[in-house]
């Protein structure tokens, strides 16, 4: 499996979360506490949207940097994280579930303004892959570059209307995978935590067919955290709109992290955030 984080809020330099916390994502690449594997060294990636003050033409398409080596030893990642500043970014460290270790299989995946990353797996993916791939819209199919179940899930969600209705499209994607799996006698096919963004909002899903999903946490409101830890300087730098969603907590700061409930999704947006139920929709 994998580890990932997603950030939305005041623009910050990426290294503030990738490297500096006690149990940063880079630390998790070697010492994961809650994943299936302790080590996540089969590639990594970061995707970020430009700071509004840095945009020259108002474009919202994100940048992506991915590589096949382990994140902990990549000097280019360290250099990039030291200078890139963004109000919304995602980062992923990969532990392959069977597909090749290659750049096109590293997360996050991008389509236009959209970023997608995934932790989990489709059980018996080689058995289901052909039926799943044939359901991808013909106009979208040329965009698939890799061989992972994660990227195929993204393109199925795009096919089922992701750009208009994110929760509905992901529910239809999950329901379709479960339907195909049932035809092939594959039990409990879906295991996923997924992050999706178009640059303004951030969605994070936690679901598995067996109702035993991989860990996922969201940060407590900044107002509550500041009250708990008034002497922490980092908490004074960012706005109250700031949220972080992670596969596992970045440290042991008391009261900082809350589990995303089973079979639900979180929506981070300007104004009021939300946590809602997630229920796959079968065709």
Protein backbone atom coordinates (compact mmCIF):
# COMPACT_ATOMS: atom_id res chain seq x y z
CA UNK A 1 0.00 0.00 0.00
CA UNK A 2 0.99 3.68 0.08
CA UNK A 3 0.99 6.83 2.21
CA UNK A 4 -0.24 10.25 1.14
CA UNK A 5 -1.09 13.74 2.31
CA UNK A 6 -3.20 16.59 0.94
CA UNK A 7 -2.97 20.22 2.04
CA UNK A 8 -5.33 23.16 1.52
CA UNK A 9 -4.96 26.58 3.11
CA UNK A 10 -2.48 29.43 3.41
CA UNK A 11 0.30 29.12 0.82
CA UNK A 12 3.28 27.31 2.37
CA UNK A 13 6.56 25.87 1.16
CA UNK A 14 6.15 22.14 0.52
CA UNK A 15 9.00 21.11 2.82
CA UNK A 16 6.99 22.35 5.81
CA UNK A 17 4.94 19.14 5.55
CA UNK A 18 7.08 16.83 3.45
CA UNK A 19 10.23 17.08 5.59
CA UNK A 20 9.87 19.11 8.77
CA UNK A 21 7.20 17.36 10.91
CA UNK A 22 8.27 14.74 13.42
CA UNK A 23 6.59 11.97 11.38
CA UNK A 24 6.69 13.68 7.99
CA UNK A 25 5.74 11.99 4.76
CA UNK A 26 9.44 11.45 4.04
CA UNK A 27 9.84 9.76 7.42
CA UNK A 28 6.80 7.61 6.62
CA UNK A 29 8.48 6.45 3.42
CA UNK A 30 10.87 4.48 5.66
CA UNK A 31 8.97 4.14 8.94
CA UNK A 32 5.23 3.97 8.28
CA UNK A 33 3.30 3.06 11.42
CA UNK A 34 -0.17 2.28 10.07
CA UNK A 35 0.40 0.98 6.55
CA UNK A 36 0.52 -2.61 5.37
CA UNK A 37 4.24 -2.10 4.68
CA UNK A 38 6.70 -0.17 6.83
CA UNK A 39 8.65 0.97 3.76
CA UNK A 40 7.16 2.87 0.83
CA UNK A 41 10.00 3.09 -1.66
CA UNK A 42 8.47 2.29 -5.06
CA UNK A 43 8.34 5.86 -6.31
CA UNK A 44 6.73 9.11 -5.21
CA UNK A 45 5.07 12.19 -6.56
CA UNK A 46 3.86 15.67 -5.68
CA UNK A 47 1.27 17.79 -7.44
CA UNK A 48 0.63 21.45 -6.66
CA UNK A 49 -1.46 24.38 -7.78
CA UNK A 50 0.27 27.76 -8.17
CA UNK A 51 -0.04 30.43 -5.53
CA UNK A 52 -2.59 32.96 -6.82
CA UNK A 53 0.01 35.73 -6.44
CA UNK A 54 2.40 33.82 -8.69
CA UNK A 55 -0.02 33.02 -11.50
CA UNK A 56 0.79 34.94 -14.67
CA UNK A 57 -2.26 34.05 -16.72
CA UNK A 58 -4.86 32.88 -14.21
CA UNK A 59 -4.46 29.24 -15.31
CA UNK A 60 -5.27 26.68 -12.65
CA UNK A 61 -3.64 23.59 -14.16
CA UNK A 62 -1.39 21.94 -11.58
CA UNK A 63 2.26 20.99 -11.87
CA UNK A 64 3.37 17.40 -11.18
CA UNK A 65 6.75 15.94 -10.27
CA UNK A 66 7.10 12.14 -10.10
CA UNK A 67 10.04 9.76 -9.88
CA UNK A 68 10.59 6.02 -9.44
CA UNK A 69 13.20 6.03 -6.67
CA UNK A 70 12.53 6.24 -2.94
CA UNK A 71 11.49 9.68 -1.71
CA UNK A 72 13.94 9.72 1.19
CA UNK A 73 17.02 9.84 -1.06
CA UNK A 74 15.82 12.05 -3.91
CA UNK A 75 17.83 15.29 -3.91
CA UNK A 76 15.64 16.85 -6.61
CA UNK A 77 12.55 16.42 -4.44
CA UNK A 78 14.33 18.07 -1.53
CA UNK A 79 15.39 21.03 -3.70
CA UNK A 80 11.90 21.41 -5.15
CA UNK A 81 10.19 21.16 -1.75
CA UNK A 82 12.49 23.86 -0.41
CA UNK A 83 11.35 26.49 -2.91
CA UNK A 84 7.85 25.60 -4.22
CA UNK A 85 5.07 27.45 -2.43
CA UNK A 86 1.44 26.47 -2.86
CA UNK A 87 -1.99 26.89 -1.24
CA UNK A 88 -3.09 23.40 -2.32
CA UNK A 89 -0.86 20.41 -2.93
CA UNK A 90 -0.86 16.63 -2.68
CA UNK A 91 2.02 14.21 -2.14
CA UNK A 92 2.24 10.43 -2.38
CA UNK A 93 4.80 7.73 -1.56
CA UNK A 94 4.21 4.41 -3.28
CA UNK A 95 4.42 0.78 -2.25
CA UNK A 96 3.45 -1.22 -5.33
CA UNK A 97 0.69 -3.81 -5.09
CA UNK A 98 2.01 -5.66 -8.13
CA UNK A 99 2.20 -3.27 -11.07
CA UNK A 100 5.55 -2.08 -12.39
CA UNK A 101 7.73 0.49 -10.68
CA UNK A 102 7.80 3.17 -13.38
CA UNK A 103 7.20 6.90 -13.56
CA UNK A 104 3.80 6.59 -15.24
CA UNK A 105 2.59 4.46 -12.32
CA UNK A 106 3.55 7.05 -9.69
CA UNK A 107 0.86 9.25 -8.15
CA UNK A 108 -0.65 11.80 -8.36
CA UNK A 109 -2.34 11.39 -11.73
CA UNK A 110 -3.39 14.51 -13.62
CA UNK A 111 -6.09 15.25 -16.17
CA UNK A 112 -6.46 18.93 -17.04
CA UNK A 113 -7.06 20.75 -13.76
CA UNK A 114 -7.69 17.53 -11.84
CA UNK A 115 -5.35 15.63 -9.53
CA UNK A 116 -6.03 12.13 -8.17
CA UNK A 117 -4.12 9.83 -5.84
CA UNK A 118 -5.01 6.56 -4.16
CA UNK A 119 -3.96 4.20 -1.40
CA UNK A 120 -5.34 0.67 -1.61
CA UNK A 121 -6.01 -1.81 -4.38
CA UNK A 122 -8.58 -3.52 -6.55
CA UNK A 123 -8.39 -7.18 -5.59
CA UNK A 124 -7.48 -9.52 -8.47
CA UNK A 125 -6.96 -6.50 -10.69
CA UNK A 126 -5.45 -8.49 -13.62
CA UNK A 127 -8.64 -10.56 -13.77
CA UNK A 128 -10.89 -7.47 -13.84
CA UNK A 129 -8.69 -5.07 -15.80
CA UNK A 130 -10.03 -5.71 -19.29
CA UNK A 131 -13.69 -5.23 -18.34
CA UNK A 132 -12.83 -2.09 -16.37
CA UNK A 133 -10.71 -0.58 -19.13
CA UNK A 134 -13.39 -1.13 -21.77
CA UNK A 135 -15.78 1.03 -19.75
CA UNK A 136 -13.54 4.12 -19.97
CA UNK A 137 -14.89 6.74 -22.36
CA UNK A 138 -13.16 6.48 -25.74
CA UNK A 139 -12.23 10.18 -25.68
CA UNK A 140 -10.49 9.76 -22.31
CA UNK A 141 -8.76 6.44 -22.90
CA UNK A 142 -5.68 7.83 -24.73
CA UNK A 143 -4.78 9.74 -21.57
CA UNK A 144 -4.03 6.56 -19.60
CA UNK A 145 -0.25 6.22 -19.47
CA UNK A 146 0.43 3.60 -16.81
CA UNK A 147 -0.78 0.17 -15.76
CA UNK A 148 -2.11 0.69 -12.24
CA UNK A 149 -5.57 0.10 -10.84
CA UNK A 150 -5.32 3.59 -9.30
CA UNK A 151 -5.06 5.38 -12.64
CA UNK A 152 -7.83 3.26 -14.14
CA UNK A 153 -10.08 4.18 -11.19
CA UNK A 154 -9.38 7.85 -11.97
CA UNK A 155 -10.37 7.48 -15.61
CA UNK A 156 -13.49 5.52 -14.69
CA UNK A 157 -14.46 8.34 -12.32
CA UNK A 158 -13.86 10.86 -15.12
CA UNK A 159 -16.04 8.73 -17.39
CA UNK A 160 -18.79 8.69 -14.75
CA UNK A 161 -18.87 12.49 -14.42
CA UNK A 162 -16.08 13.50 -12.03
CA UNK A 163 -15.80 17.00 -13.51
CA UNK A 164 -19.44 17.75 -12.67
CA UNK A 165 -20.15 15.68 -9.55
CA UNK A 166 -17.11 14.40 -7.67
CA UNK A 167 -18.80 12.34 -4.92
CA UNK A 168 -21.36 10.89 -7.33
CA UNK A 169 -18.71 9.93 -9.89
CA UNK A 170 -16.52 8.20 -7.27
CA UNK A 171 -19.56 6.36 -5.93
CA UNK A 172 -20.45 5.21 -9.45
CA UNK A 173 -16.84 4.15 -10.07
CA UNK A 174 -16.75 2.08 -6.87
CA UNK A 175 -20.13 0.53 -7.64
CA UNK A 176 -19.02 -0.38 -11.15
CA UNK A 177 -15.83 -2.05 -9.89
CA UNK A 178 -17.86 -4.07 -7.38
CA UNK A 179 -20.31 -5.10 -10.10
CA UNK A 180 -17.54 -6.28 -12.42
CA UNK A 181 -15.88 -8.10 -9.52
CA UNK A 182 -19.13 -9.92 -8.70
CA UNK A 183 -19.31 -11.19 -12.30
CA UNK A 184 -15.81 -12.66 -11.85
CA UNK A 185 -16.49 -14.07 -8.35
CA UNK A 186 -13.99 -11.70 -6.74
CA UNK A 187 -14.94 -10.97 -3.13
CA UNK A 188 -14.30 -7.64 -1.41
CA UNK A 189 -12.69 -5.99 -4.44
CA UNK A 190 -12.42 -2.34 -3.34
CA UNK A 191 -9.91 -0.94 -0.88
CA UNK A 192 -9.33 2.79 -1.16
CA UNK A 193 -8.50 6.10 0.34
CA UNK A 194 -8.57 8.65 -2.48
CA UNK A 195 -7.77 12.35 -2.73
CA UNK A 196 -9.19 14.47 -5.57
CA UNK A 197 -8.87 18.18 -6.33
CA UNK A 198 -9.48 20.69 -9.10
CA UNK A 199 -7.48 23.43 -7.38
CA UNK A 200 -10.21 25.06 -5.32
CA UNK A 201 -11.72 22.19 -3.34
CA UNK A 202 -10.32 18.97 -1.94
CA UNK A 203 -12.20 15.70 -1.52
CA UNK A 204 -10.89 12.70 0.46
CA UNK A 205 -12.66 9.33 0.38
CA UNK A 206 -12.32 6.35 2.72
CA UNK A 207 -14.07 3.15 1.67
CA UNK A 208 -13.62 -0.60 1.28
CA UNK A 209 -16.08 -3.32 0.30
CA UNK A 210 -15.26 -5.24 3.49
CA UNK A 211 -15.72 -2.08 5.66
CA UNK A 212 -12.15 -2.32 6.96
CA UNK A 213 -10.54 0.61 5.14
CA UNK A 214 -7.00 1.92 5.32
CA UNK A 215 -6.36 4.72 7.82
CA UNK A 216 -7.15 8.35 6.98
CA UNK A 217 -7.10 11.45 9.21
CA UNK A 218 -7.98 15.13 8.93
CA UNK A 219 -6.57 17.99 10.97
CA UNK A 220 -8.58 19.68 13.68
CA UNK A 221 -9.72 23.26 13.08
CA UNK A 222 -6.94 25.79 13.57
CA UNK A 223 -8.99 27.68 16.15
CA UNK A 224 -9.25 24.57 18.31
CA UNK A 225 -5.57 23.70 17.83
CA UNK A 226 -4.43 27.19 18.78
CA UNK A 227 -6.48 26.96 21.97
CA UNK A 228 -4.88 23.60 22.79
CA UNK A 229 -1.34 24.71 21.90
CA UNK A 230 -1.05 28.51 22.22
CA UNK A 231 2.78 28.40 22.22
CA UNK A 232 3.17 26.50 18.93
CA UNK A 233 4.53 29.04 16.37
CA UNK A 234 3.58 26.97 13.29
CA UNK A 235 -0.11 27.21 14.20
CA UNK A 236 0.10 31.01 14.19
CA UNK A 237 1.37 31.21 10.59
CA UNK A 238 -1.59 29.74 8.71
CA UNK A 239 -5.23 30.77 8.33
CA UNK A 240 -8.16 29.09 10.01
CA UNK A 241 -9.16 27.70 6.60
CA UNK A 242 -6.07 25.46 6.59
CA UNK A 243 -6.66 21.71 6.58
CA UNK A 244 -4.42 18.68 6.15
CA UNK A 245 -5.59 15.17 5.28
CA UNK A 246 -3.14 12.31 5.79
CA UNK A 247 -2.86 8.54 5.69
CA UNK A 248 -1.32 8.73 9.14
CA UNK A 249 -0.65 11.65 11.51
CA UNK A 250 2.45 13.76 10.95
CA UNK A 251 3.25 13.85 14.69
CA UNK A 252 1.89 13.32 18.16
CA UNK A 253 0.48 16.81 18.80
CA UNK A 254 -2.45 16.24 21.14
CA UNK A 255 -5.88 16.88 19.64
CA UNK A 256 -4.51 17.54 16.15
CA UNK A 257 -5.90 14.58 14.20
CA UNK A 258 -9.33 13.04 13.71
CA UNK A 259 -10.08 9.81 11.82
CA UNK A 260 -12.20 10.10 8.69
CA UNK A 261 -15.12 7.74 9.46
CA UNK A 262 -15.51 4.44 7.62
CA UNK A 263 -17.47 4.69 4.33
CA UNK A 264 -17.41 8.47 4.19
CA UNK A 265 -15.70 11.38 2.48
CA UNK A 266 -14.43 14.78 3.58
CA UNK A 267 -14.86 17.96 1.57
CA UNK A 268 -12.45 20.84 2.23
CA UNK A 269 -13.54 24.14 0.72
CA UNK A 270 -13.70 27.85 1.40
CA UNK A 271 -16.17 28.31 4.20
CA UNK A 272 -17.72 25.33 5.92
CA UNK A 273 -16.12 21.92 5.41
CA UNK A 274 -18.16 18.72 5.47
CA UNK A 275 -17.99 15.00 6.14
CA UNK A 276 -20.63 12.92 4.38
CA UNK A 277 -21.52 9.27 3.89
CA UNK A 278 -20.08 7.38 0.92
CA UNK A 279 -22.17 4.68 -0.69
CA UNK A 280 -21.23 3.01 -4.00
CA UNK A 281 -23.83 3.22 -6.76
CA UNK A 282 -24.06 0.11 -8.93
CA UNK A 283 -25.06 0.49 -12.58
